[in-house]
Amino acid sequence: MDRCTKEQRHKNMAAIHSANTKPEMIVRKYLFSRGFRYRLNHPRLPGHPDIVLRKYRTCIFVNGCFWHGHEGCKYFKMPKSNVDFWAAKINRNRQRDKRVQQELAAMGWHCMTVWECELKTDRREQTLTSLEYTLNHIYLGDRTVRYSLPEDDCGMMAAEAEPEYGAADDDDGAMI
């Protein structure tokens, strides 16, 4: 049973916004202070990711634990009223999140999800440091040159043949 009247609940839910949320602002301020430059809600990418770092080919989604159904999180509890509606809504959000991340991966983008509970004060520093480390790792991984030799590399050697050991010679080639 809901503690609020229908009008009060409507007013509360209407006050919740999807952009410029506190968790999103925490991530954005941290990234900017570390020299990362980004775009917000890129309109040409599927799902309009919260933060887009083009240089790193990375999209960051900052998800609220309730709205995206973060399993095993103490901040996600299914409401006791209108259960069918909320279960269907949260399930649709999960399916959409999965589909959008698959589409972005197919386009060559890296996708990262930062959950609201990971930005609480006791875990914030660890989460943000991990985010920075991952972005730098992605950047370096994408820009390293990868060499591969063909499986049959006969005749591909540019160096001289290996010398025979055990027989020493002097300057004129005579054996000692």
Protein backbone atom coordinates (compact mmCIF):
# COMPACT_ATOMS: atom_id res chain seq x y z
CA MET A 1 0.00 0.00 0.00
CA ASP A 2 1.32 3.42 -0.95
CA ARG A 3 1.79 5.98 1.84
CA CYS A 4 1.24 8.93 -0.49
CA THR A 5 -1.91 10.01 -2.25
CA LYS A 6 -2.06 9.60 -5.99
CA GLU A 7 -1.44 13.35 -6.51
CA GLN A 8 1.53 13.38 -4.12
CA ARG A 9 3.10 10.34 -5.82
CA HIS A 10 2.61 11.93 -9.24
CA LYS A 11 4.31 15.12 -8.05
CA ASN A 12 7.25 13.16 -6.57
CA MET A 13 7.77 11.08 -9.69
CA ALA A 14 7.48 14.10 -12.01
CA ALA A 15 10.26 15.84 -10.08
CA ILE A 16 12.78 13.11 -10.96
CA HIS A 17 14.87 14.10 -13.98
CA SER A 18 16.99 11.93 -16.24
CA ALA A 19 19.75 14.45 -17.01
CA ASN A 20 22.19 16.29 -14.74
CA THR A 21 21.56 13.96 -11.83
CA LYS A 22 23.85 14.06 -8.80
CA PRO A 23 25.66 10.79 -9.70
CA GLU A 24 26.17 12.02 -13.26
CA MET A 25 27.54 15.36 -12.05
CA ILE A 26 30.01 13.56 -9.75
CA VAL A 27 31.40 11.53 -12.67
CA ARG A 28 31.49 14.54 -15.00
CA LYS A 29 33.34 16.77 -12.52
CA TYR A 30 35.88 14.05 -11.79
CA LEU A 31 36.56 13.36 -15.48
CA PHE A 32 36.87 17.06 -16.32
CA SER A 33 39.25 17.68 -13.41
CA ARG A 34 41.49 14.87 -14.72
CA GLY A 35 41.67 16.35 -18.23
CA PHE A 36 39.08 14.18 -19.96
CA ARG A 37 36.89 16.07 -22.42
CA TYR A 38 33.50 14.72 -23.33
CA ARG A 39 30.10 15.36 -24.87
CA LEU A 40 26.76 14.82 -23.18
CA ASN A 41 23.88 12.75 -24.51
CA HIS A 42 25.23 12.46 -28.06
CA PRO A 43 22.14 12.50 -30.30
CA ARG A 44 23.61 10.34 -33.10
CA LEU A 45 24.52 7.39 -30.90
CA PRO A 46 21.99 4.74 -29.90
CA GLY A 47 20.60 5.34 -26.42
CA HIS A 48 22.04 8.87 -26.17
CA PRO A 49 24.81 7.90 -23.68
CA ASP A 50 25.21 10.16 -20.64
CA ILE A 51 28.90 10.84 -21.34
CA VAL A 52 30.69 10.29 -24.65
CA LEU A 53 34.49 10.42 -24.90
CA ARG A 54 35.20 10.36 -28.64
CA LYS A 55 38.98 10.27 -28.24
CA TYR A 56 38.62 7.04 -26.27
CA ARG A 57 35.68 5.66 -28.33
CA THR A 58 33.92 5.16 -25.01
CA CYS A 59 30.37 5.77 -23.80
CA ILE A 60 29.62 6.01 -20.10
CA PHE A 61 26.15 5.35 -18.74
CA VAL A 62 25.47 6.58 -15.21
CA ASN A 63 22.54 4.47 -14.06
CA GLY A 64 20.25 4.88 -11.09
CA CYS A 65 19.96 1.62 -9.17
CA PHE A 66 16.16 1.76 -8.95
CA TRP A 67 15.37 2.79 -12.51
CA HIS A 68 17.68 0.27 -14.13
CA GLY A 69 17.09 -2.59 -11.67
CA HIS A 70 20.56 -3.05 -10.19
CA GLU A 71 20.47 -6.63 -8.92
CA GLY A 72 21.93 -7.28 -5.49
CA CYS A 73 21.91 -3.59 -4.59
CA LYS A 74 20.35 -2.31 -1.40
CA TYR A 75 19.02 0.73 -3.27
CA PHE A 76 16.89 -1.37 -5.60
CA LYS A 77 13.68 -2.66 -4.08
CA MET A 78 10.60 -3.46 -6.10
CA PRO A 79 7.72 -1.20 -5.03
CA LYS A 80 4.92 -2.89 -3.14
CA SER A 81 2.16 -1.05 -4.99
CA ASN A 82 1.44 -1.38 -8.71
CA VAL A 83 3.94 -4.23 -8.91
CA ASP A 84 3.03 -5.35 -12.43
CA PHE A 85 3.64 -1.87 -13.86
CA TRP A 86 7.00 -1.43 -12.13
CA ALA A 87 8.23 -4.93 -12.94
CA ALA A 88 7.42 -4.43 -16.63
CA LYS A 89 8.98 -0.94 -16.70
CA ILE A 90 12.23 -1.97 -15.04
CA ASN A 91 12.44 -5.07 -17.24
CA ARG A 92 12.02 -2.90 -20.37
CA ASN A 93 14.78 -0.59 -19.11
CA ARG A 94 17.14 -3.54 -18.61
CA GLN A 95 16.40 -4.92 -22.07
CA ARG A 96 16.88 -1.50 -23.66
CA ASP A 97 20.20 -1.00 -21.84
CA LYS A 98 21.46 -4.36 -23.08
CA ARG A 99 20.32 -3.71 -26.67
CA VAL A 100 21.88 -0.23 -26.76
CA GLN A 101 25.21 -1.49 -25.44
CA GLN A 102 25.25 -4.27 -28.04
CA GLU A 103 24.56 -1.74 -30.81
CA LEU A 104 27.36 0.53 -29.58
CA ALA A 105 29.79 -2.39 -29.33
CA ALA A 106 28.92 -3.37 -32.91
CA MET A 107 29.81 0.19 -33.94
CA GLY A 108 33.23 -0.13 -32.26
CA TRP A 109 32.47 1.79 -29.05
CA HIS A 110 33.48 0.73 -25.56
CA CYS A 111 30.60 0.90 -23.06
CA MET A 112 30.94 1.46 -19.34
CA THR A 113 28.20 1.57 -16.72
CA VAL A 114 28.61 3.40 -13.43
CA TRP A 115 25.92 2.60 -10.88
CA GLU A 116 24.53 5.12 -8.42
CA CYS A 117 25.49 2.94 -5.43
CA GLU A 118 29.13 2.91 -6.57
CA LEU A 119 29.24 6.69 -6.18
CA LYS A 120 28.24 6.77 -2.52
CA THR A 121 30.94 8.41 -0.36
CA ASP A 122 32.43 5.15 0.96
CA ARG A 123 33.08 3.74 -2.56
CA ARG A 124 33.31 6.90 -4.68
CA GLU A 125 37.09 7.36 -4.80
CA GLN A 126 37.73 3.72 -5.70
CA THR A 127 35.07 3.80 -8.44
CA LEU A 128 36.32 7.03 -10.01
CA THR A 129 39.96 5.95 -9.88
CA SER A 130 38.99 2.67 -11.51
CA LEU A 131 37.08 4.58 -14.20
CA GLU A 132 40.13 6.74 -14.95
CA TYR A 133 42.42 3.70 -15.07
CA THR A 134 40.07 1.89 -17.45
CA LEU A 135 39.84 4.88 -19.79
CA ASN A 136 43.63 5.19 -19.94
CA HIS A 137 43.95 1.45 -20.52
CA ILE A 138 41.44 1.66 -23.40
CA TYR A 139 43.31 4.60 -24.91
CA LEU A 140 46.68 2.86 -24.79
CA GLY A 141 45.24 -0.44 -26.00
CA ASP A 142 43.60 1.16 -29.02
CA ARG A 143 46.78 2.98 -30.04
CA THR A 144 49.40 0.26 -29.72
CA VAL A 145 50.72 -1.25 -32.91
CA ARG A 146 49.98 -4.93 -33.14
CA TYR A 147 52.42 -7.01 -35.14
CA SER A 148 51.61 -10.46 -36.40
CA LEU A 149 53.89 -12.76 -38.30
CA PRO A 150 52.51 -15.11 -40.89
CA GLU A 151 52.43 -18.73 -39.79
CA ASP A 152 54.85 -19.70 -42.57
CA ASP A 153 57.61 -17.15 -42.01
CA CYS A 154 60.32 -18.97 -44.02
CA GLY A 155 62.50 -16.52 -45.87
CA MET A 156 61.15 -13.54 -43.95
CA MET A 157 64.26 -13.14 -41.79
CA ALA A 158 66.26 -9.99 -42.46
CA ALA A 159 69.23 -11.01 -40.28
CA GLU A 160 72.16 -13.20 -41.23
CA ALA A 161 72.12 -16.92 -40.60
CA GLU A 162 73.16 -18.07 -37.15
CA PRO A 163 76.91 -18.76 -36.81
CA GLU A 164 78.14 -22.27 -36.08
CA TYR A 165 79.48 -22.53 -32.57
CA GLY A 166 82.46 -24.61 -31.59
CA ALA A 167 84.73 -23.68 -34.51
CA ALA A 168 86.63 -20.45 -34.05
CA ASP A 169 88.39 -18.66 -36.90
CA ASP A 170 90.79 -15.78 -37.14
CA ASP A 171 90.56 -12.72 -39.39
CA ASP A 172 91.53 -14.49 -42.61
CA GLY A 173 89.05 -17.33 -42.13
CA ALA A 174 91.55 -20.03 -41.21
CA MET A 175 90.72 -22.37 -38.38
CA ILE A 176 92.68 -21.98 -35.17
